[in-house]
Amino acid sequence: MSDVGRESLTDKVTSAAKPDSEKSYIEQATDYVKGTLDSAASVVQPQQEKSTTQKVGDALTGDNRNKDVA
């Protein structure tokens, strides 16, 4: 389960597993928008309010710019 406004780790993995060459333009655009919004949400959400799976997902995708660790 993801935090409010965040893309779930499962969705991130599923999206990354399928090469862009096999995605339609709509799928690629959707992935881009979701990724951009998730990155923005990652930055503004304090670390102490993130679930463990979101922290792991942020670390794996590089969206861990928010260093507000409590």
PDB file of N, CA and C in Angstrom:
ATOM      1  N   MET A   1       0.852  -1.176   0.000  1.00  0.00           N
ATOM      2  CA  MET A   1       0.000   0.000   0.000  1.00  0.00           C
ATOM      3  C   MET A   1       0.898   1.239   0.000  1.00  0.00           C
ATOM      4  N   SER A   2       0.494   2.239  -0.753  1.00  0.00           N
ATOM      5  CA  SER A   2       1.310   3.439  -0.829  1.00  0.00           C
ATOM      6  C   SER A   2       0.754   4.533   0.060  1.00  0.00           C
ATOM      7  N   ASP A   3       1.604   5.491   0.339  1.00  0.00           N
ATOM      8  CA  ASP A   3       1.171   6.654   1.094  1.00  0.00           C
ATOM      9  C   ASP A   3       0.298   7.514   0.187  1.00  0.00           C
ATOM     10  N   VAL A   4      -0.522   8.364   0.773  1.00  0.00           N
ATOM     11  CA  VAL A   4      -1.423   9.217   0.001  1.00  0.00           C
ATOM     12  C   VAL A   4      -0.620  10.079  -0.965  1.00  0.00           C
ATOM     13  N   GLY A   5      -1.033  10.071  -2.225  1.00  0.00           N
ATOM     14  CA  GLY A   5      -0.359  10.865  -3.237  1.00  0.00           C
ATOM     15  C   GLY A   5       0.910  10.255  -3.792  1.00  0.00           C
ATOM     16  N   ARG A   6       1.235   9.039  -3.381  1.00  0.00           N
ATOM     17  CA  ARG A   6       2.474   8.393  -3.818  1.00  0.00           C
ATOM     18  C   ARG A   6       2.164   7.180  -4.686  1.00  0.00           C
ATOM     19  N   GLU A   7       3.054   6.890  -5.598  1.00  0.00           N
ATOM     20  CA  GLU A   7       2.957   5.703  -6.440  1.00  0.00           C
ATOM     21  C   GLU A   7       3.462   4.508  -5.638  1.00  0.00           C
ATOM     22  N   SER A   8       2.753   3.395  -5.698  1.00  0.00           N
ATOM     23  CA  SER A   8       3.169   2.228  -4.921  1.00  0.00           C
ATOM     24  C   SER A   8       4.454   1.630  -5.483  1.00  0.00           C
ATOM     25  N   LEU A   9       5.183   0.934  -4.632  1.00  0.00           N
ATOM     26  CA  LEU A   9       6.420   0.282  -5.046  1.00  0.00           C
ATOM     27  C   LEU A   9       6.125  -0.747  -6.141  1.00  0.00           C
ATOM     28  N   THR A  10       5.024  -1.442  -6.023  1.00  0.00           N
ATOM     29  CA  THR A  10       4.624  -2.428  -7.039  1.00  0.00           C
ATOM     30  C   THR A  10       4.422  -1.760  -8.395  1.00  0.00           C
ATOM     31  N   ASP A  11       3.755  -0.600  -8.404  1.00  0.00           N
ATOM     32  CA  ASP A  11       3.542   0.120  -9.663  1.00  0.00           C
ATOM     33  C   ASP A  11       4.863   0.589 -10.267  1.00  0.00           C
ATOM     34  N   LYS A  12       5.786   1.032  -9.421  1.00  0.00           N
ATOM     35  CA  LYS A  12       7.097   1.479  -9.912  1.00  0.00           C
ATOM     36  C   LYS A  12       7.849   0.325 -10.567  1.00  0.00           C
ATOM     37  N   VAL A  13       7.845  -0.822  -9.901  1.00  0.00           N
ATOM     38  CA  VAL A  13       8.563  -1.996 -10.421  1.00  0.00           C
ATOM     39  C   VAL A  13       7.921  -2.484 -11.716  1.00  0.00           C
ATOM     40  N   THR A  14       6.594  -2.542 -11.727  1.00  0.00           N
ATOM     41  CA  THR A  14       5.877  -3.002 -12.917  1.00  0.00           C
ATOM     42  C   THR A  14       6.166  -2.094 -14.111  1.00  0.00           C
ATOM     43  N   SER A  15       6.146  -0.801 -13.875  1.00  0.00           N
ATOM     44  CA  SER A  15       6.416   0.166 -14.939  1.00  0.00           C
ATOM     45  C   SER A  15       7.853   0.053 -15.441  1.00  0.00           C
ATOM     46  N   ALA A  16       8.785  -0.121 -14.535  1.00  0.00           N
ATOM     47  CA  ALA A  16      10.195  -0.209 -14.908  1.00  0.00           C
ATOM     48  C   ALA A  16      10.530  -1.518 -15.622  1.00  0.00           C
ATOM     49  N   ALA A  17       9.759  -2.564 -15.350  1.00  0.00           N
ATOM     50  CA  ALA A  17      10.048  -3.875 -15.930  1.00  0.00           C
ATOM     51  C   ALA A  17       9.727  -3.940 -17.422  1.00  0.00           C
ATOM     52  N   LYS A  18       8.804  -3.115 -17.871  1.00  0.00           N
ATOM     53  CA  LYS A  18       8.417  -3.125 -19.285  1.00  0.00           C
ATOM     54  C   LYS A  18       9.215  -2.057 -20.029  1.00  0.00           C
ATOM     55  N   PRO A  19       9.987  -2.444 -21.038  1.00  0.00           N
ATOM     56  CA  PRO A  19      10.792  -1.463 -21.775  1.00  0.00           C
ATOM     57  C   PRO A  19       9.918  -0.419 -22.474  1.00  0.00           C
ATOM     58  N   ASP A  20      10.421   0.796 -22.581  1.00  0.00           N
ATOM     59  CA  ASP A  20       9.675   1.861 -23.253  1.00  0.00           C
ATOM     60  C   ASP A  20       9.342   1.496 -24.697  1.00  0.00           C
ATOM     61  N   SER A  21      10.201   0.707 -25.339  1.00  0.00           N
ATOM     62  CA  SER A  21       9.962   0.325 -26.730  1.00  0.00           C
ATOM     63  C   SER A  21       8.708  -0.538 -26.884  1.00  0.00           C
ATOM     64  N   GLU A  22       8.249  -1.143 -25.781  1.00  0.00           N
ATOM     65  CA  GLU A  22       7.037  -1.964 -25.814  1.00  0.00           C
ATOM     66  C   GLU A  22       5.812  -1.232 -25.274  1.00  0.00           C
ATOM     67  N   LYS A  23       5.996   0.024 -24.883  1.00  0.00           N
ATOM     68  CA  LYS A  23       4.887   0.813 -24.341  1.00  0.00           C
ATOM     69  C   LYS A  23       4.326   1.740 -25.409  1.00  0.00           C
ATOM     70  N   SER A  24       3.029   1.994 -25.300  1.00  0.00           N
ATOM     71  CA  SER A  24       2.415   2.984 -26.190  1.00  0.00           C
ATOM     72  C   SER A  24       2.825   4.376 -25.720  1.00  0.00           C
ATOM     73  N   TYR A  25       2.565   5.357 -26.566  1.00  0.00           N
ATOM     74  CA  TYR A  25       2.871   6.736 -26.170  1.00  0.00           C
ATOM     75  C   TYR A  25       2.072   7.143 -24.940  1.00  0.00           C
ATOM     76  N   ILE A  26       0.845   6.634 -24.842  1.00  0.00           N
ATOM     77  CA  ILE A  26      -0.003   6.937 -23.680  1.00  0.00           C
ATOM     78  C   ILE A  26       0.621   6.359 -22.415  1.00  0.00           C
ATOM     79  N   GLU A  27       1.085   5.105 -22.476  1.00  0.00           N
ATOM     80  CA  GLU A  27       1.735   4.483 -21.310  1.00  0.00           C
ATOM     81  C   GLU A  27       2.995   5.245 -20.911  1.00  0.00           C
ATOM     82  N   GLN A  28       3.791   5.652 -21.893  1.00  0.00           N
ATOM     83  CA  GLN A  28       5.011   6.395 -21.601  1.00  0.00           C
ATOM     84  C   GLN A  28       4.690   7.743 -20.955  1.00  0.00           C
ATOM     85  N   ALA A  29       3.671   8.429 -21.475  1.00  0.00           N
ATOM     86  CA  ALA A  29       3.279   9.718 -20.918  1.00  0.00           C
ATOM     87  C   ALA A  29       2.729   9.549 -19.499  1.00  0.00           C
ATOM     88  N   THR A  30       1.937   8.506 -19.292  1.00  0.00           N
ATOM     89  CA  THR A  30       1.384   8.233 -17.963  1.00  0.00           C
ATOM     90  C   THR A  30       2.499   7.951 -16.970  1.00  0.00           C
ATOM     91  N   ASP A  31       3.467   7.132 -17.360  1.00  0.00           N
ATOM     92  CA  ASP A  31       4.609   6.825 -16.490  1.00  0.00           C
ATOM     93  C   ASP A  31       5.378   8.100 -16.143  1.00  0.00           C
ATOM     94  N   TYR A  32       5.570   8.960 -17.134  1.00  0.00           N
ATOM     95  CA  TYR A  32       6.308  10.206 -16.907  1.00  0.00           C
ATOM     96  C   TYR A  32       5.574  11.096 -15.903  1.00  0.00           C
ATOM     97  N   VAL A  33       4.277  11.258 -16.096  1.00  0.00           N
ATOM     98  CA  VAL A  33       3.491  12.116 -15.201  1.00  0.00           C
ATOM     99  C   VAL A  33       3.466  11.533 -13.790  1.00  0.00           C
ATOM    100  N   LYS A  34       3.203  10.227 -13.684  1.00  0.00           N
ATOM    101  CA  LYS A  34       3.182   9.588 -12.363  1.00  0.00           C
ATOM    102  C   LYS A  34       4.537   9.716 -11.672  1.00  0.00           C
ATOM    103  N   GLY A  35       5.604   9.501 -12.415  1.00  0.00           N
ATOM    104  CA  GLY A  35       6.940   9.590 -11.840  1.00  0.00           C
ATOM    105  C   GLY A  35       7.274  10.995 -11.371  1.00  0.00           C
ATOM    106  N   THR A  36       6.891  11.987 -12.168  1.00  0.00           N
ATOM    107  CA  THR A  36       7.147  13.378 -11.802  1.00  0.00           C
ATOM    108  C   THR A  36       6.368  13.766 -10.552  1.00  0.00           C
ATOM    109  N   LEU A  37       5.092  13.398 -10.506  1.00  0.00           N
ATOM    110  CA  LEU A  37       4.270  13.709  -9.335  1.00  0.00           C
ATOM    111  C   LEU A  37       4.775  12.974  -8.099  1.00  0.00           C
ATOM    112  N   ASP A  38       5.196  11.720  -8.267  1.00  0.00           N
ATOM    113  CA  ASP A  38       5.711  10.945  -7.134  1.00  0.00           C
ATOM    114  C   ASP A  38       7.010  11.541  -6.613  1.00  0.00           C
ATOM    115  N   SER A  39       7.865  12.000  -7.515  1.00  0.00           N
ATOM    116  CA  SER A  39       9.112  12.635  -7.093  1.00  0.00           C
ATOM    117  C   SER A  39       8.844  13.907  -6.297  1.00  0.00           C
ATOM    118  N   ALA A  40       7.880  14.689  -6.764  1.00  0.00           N
ATOM    119  CA  ALA A  40       7.527  15.923  -6.053  1.00  0.00           C
ATOM    120  C   ALA A  40       6.959  15.596  -4.678  1.00  0.00           C
ATOM    121  N   ALA A  41       6.098  14.584  -4.608  1.00  0.00           N
ATOM    122  CA  ALA A  41       5.511  14.187  -3.322  1.00  0.00           C
ATOM    123  C   ALA A  41       6.585  13.659  -2.374  1.00  0.00           C
ATOM    124  N   SER A  42       7.576  12.977  -2.919  1.00  0.00           N
ATOM    125  CA  SER A  42       8.670  12.441  -2.105  1.00  0.00           C
ATOM    126  C   SER A  42       9.452  13.545  -1.422  1.00  0.00           C
ATOM    127  N   VAL A  43       9.667  14.626  -2.142  1.00  0.00           N
ATOM    128  CA  VAL A  43      10.463  15.738  -1.609  1.00  0.00           C
ATOM    129  C   VAL A  43       9.734  16.460  -0.482  1.00  0.00           C
ATOM    130  N   VAL A  44       8.433  16.634  -0.621  1.00  0.00           N
ATOM    131  CA  VAL A  44       7.698  17.417   0.383  1.00  0.00           C
ATOM    132  C   VAL A  44       7.222  16.595   1.582  1.00  0.00           C
ATOM    133  N   GLN A  45       7.180  15.277   1.438  1.00  0.00           N
ATOM    134  CA  GLN A  45       6.712  14.433   2.541  1.00  0.00           C
ATOM    135  C   GLN A  45       7.870  14.148   3.503  1.00  0.00           C
ATOM    136  N   PRO A  46       7.725  14.508   4.773  1.00  0.00           N
ATOM    137  CA  PRO A  46       8.792  14.244   5.751  1.00  0.00           C
ATOM    138  C   PRO A  46       9.093  12.749   5.867  1.00  0.00           C
ATOM    139  N   GLN A  47      10.362  12.419   6.042  1.00  0.00           N
ATOM    140  CA  GLN A  47      10.782  11.018   6.156  1.00  0.00           C
ATOM    141  C   GLN A  47      10.006  10.262   7.235  1.00  0.00           C
ATOM    142  N   GLN A  48       9.775  10.903   8.378  1.00  0.00           N
ATOM    143  CA  GLN A  48       9.123  10.195   9.483  1.00  0.00           C
ATOM    144  C   GLN A  48       7.665   9.858   9.182  1.00  0.00           C
ATOM    145  N   GLU A  49       7.085  10.464   8.136  1.00  0.00           N
ATOM    146  CA  GLU A  49       5.708  10.166   7.762  1.00  0.00           C
ATOM    147  C   GLU A  49       5.607   9.138   6.640  1.00  0.00           C
ATOM    148  N   LYS A  50       6.740   8.702   6.114  1.00  0.00           N
ATOM    149  CA  LYS A  50       6.739   7.729   5.028  1.00  0.00           C
ATOM    150  C   LYS A  50       6.660   6.318   5.576  1.00  0.00           C
ATOM    151  N   SER A  51       5.969   5.461   4.827  1.00  0.00           N
ATOM    152  CA  SER A  51       5.947   4.054   5.188  1.00  0.00           C
ATOM    153  C   SER A  51       7.302   3.444   4.843  1.00  0.00           C
ATOM    154  N   THR A  52       7.562   2.274   5.375  1.00  0.00           N
ATOM    155  CA  THR A  52       8.836   1.591   5.099  1.00  0.00           C
ATOM    156  C   THR A  52       8.987   1.315   3.610  1.00  0.00           C
ATOM    157  N   THR A  53       7.903   0.887   2.962  1.00  0.00           N
ATOM    158  CA  THR A  53       7.998   0.592   1.528  1.00  0.00           C
ATOM    159  C   THR A  53       8.266   1.847   0.713  1.00  0.00           C
ATOM    160  N   GLN A  54       7.729   3.005   1.122  1.00  0.00           N
ATOM    161  CA  GLN A  54       8.007   4.250   0.400  1.00  0.00           C
ATOM    162  C   GLN A  54       9.459   4.655   0.581  1.00  0.00           C
ATOM    163  N   LYS A  55       9.999   4.463   1.791  1.00  0.00           N
ATOM    164  CA  LYS A  55      11.406   4.785   2.011  1.00  0.00           C
ATOM    165  C   LYS A  55      12.296   3.920   1.123  1.00  0.00           C
ATOM    166  N   VAL A  56      11.975   2.633   1.034  1.00  0.00           N
ATOM    167  CA  VAL A  56      12.741   1.710   0.190  1.00  0.00           C
ATOM    168  C   VAL A  56      12.609   2.115  -1.274  1.00  0.00           C
ATOM    169  N   GLY A  57      11.378   2.375  -1.702  1.00  0.00           N
ATOM    170  CA  GLY A  57      11.145   2.783  -3.081  1.00  0.00           C
ATOM    171  C   GLY A  57      11.875   4.062  -3.436  1.00  0.00           C
ATOM    172  N   ASP A  58      11.852   5.037  -2.538  1.00  0.00           N
ATOM    173  CA  ASP A  58      12.552   6.293  -2.774  1.00  0.00           C
ATOM    174  C   ASP A  58      14.060   6.067  -2.885  1.00  0.00           C
ATOM    175  N   ALA A  59      14.582   5.210  -2.039  1.00  0.00           N
ATOM    176  CA  ALA A  59      16.020   4.921  -2.069  1.00  0.00           C
ATOM    177  C   ALA A  59      16.409   4.232  -3.378  1.00  0.00           C
ATOM    178  N   LEU A  60      15.581   3.305  -3.834  1.00  0.00           N
ATOM    179  CA  LEU A  60      15.883   2.562  -5.060  1.00  0.00           C
ATOM    180  C   LEU A  60      15.753   3.421  -6.312  1.00  0.00           C
ATOM    181  N   THR A  61      14.821   4.363  -6.299  1.00  0.00           N
ATOM    182  CA  THR A  61      14.601   5.188  -7.487  1.00  0.00           C
ATOM    183  C   THR A  61      15.361   6.506  -7.443  1.00  0.00           C
ATOM    184  N   GLY A  62      16.050   6.766  -6.362  1.00  0.00           N
ATOM    185  CA  GLY A  62      16.803   8.004  -6.266  1.00  0.00           C
ATOM    186  C   GLY A  62      15.970   9.190  -5.815  1.00  0.00           C
ATOM    187  N   ASP A  63      14.737   8.943  -5.412  1.00  0.00           N
ATOM    188  CA  ASP A  63      13.847  10.019  -4.963  1.00  0.00           C
ATOM    189  C   ASP A  63      13.964  10.258  -3.470  1.00  0.00           C
ATOM    190  N   ASN A  64      15.159  10.194  -2.948  1.00  0.00           N
ATOM    191  CA  ASN A  64      15.364  10.371  -1.505  1.00  0.00           C
ATOM    192  C   ASN A  64      16.081  11.686  -1.220  1.00  0.00           C
ATOM    193  N   ARG A  65      15.721  12.712  -1.964  1.00  0.00           N
ATOM    194  CA  ARG A  65      16.337  14.034  -1.760  1.00  0.00           C
ATOM    195  C   ARG A  65      15.902  14.670  -0.456  1.00  0.00           C
ATOM    196  N   ASN A  66      14.786  14.228   0.088  1.00  0.00           N
ATOM    197  CA  ASN A  66      14.299  14.754   1.353  1.00  0.00           C
ATOM    198  C   ASN A  66      15.077  14.050   2.461  1.00  0.00           C
ATOM    199  N   LYS A  67      16.040  14.718   3.028  1.00  0.00           N
ATOM    200  CA  LYS A  67      16.908  14.124   4.043  1.00  0.00           C
ATOM    201  C   LYS A  67      16.437  14.448   5.464  1.00  0.00           C
ATOM    202  N   ASP A  68      15.143  14.773   5.611  1.00  0.00           N
ATOM    203  CA  ASP A  68      14.563  15.115   6.909  1.00  0.00           C
ATOM    204  C   ASP A  68      14.354  13.832   7.712  1.00  0.00           C
ATOM    205  N   VAL A  69      15.432  13.279   8.209  1.00  0.00           N
ATOM    206  CA  VAL A  69      15.374  12.012   8.947  1.00  0.00           C
ATOM    207  C   VAL A  69      15.255  12.306  10.429  1.00  0.00           C
ATOM    208  N   ALA A  70      14.255  11.693  11.056  1.00  0.00           N
ATOM    209  CA  ALA A  70      14.050  11.921  12.500  1.00  0.00           C
ATOM    210  C   ALA A  70      14.606  10.773  13.308  1.00  0.00           C
TER     211      ALA A  70
END
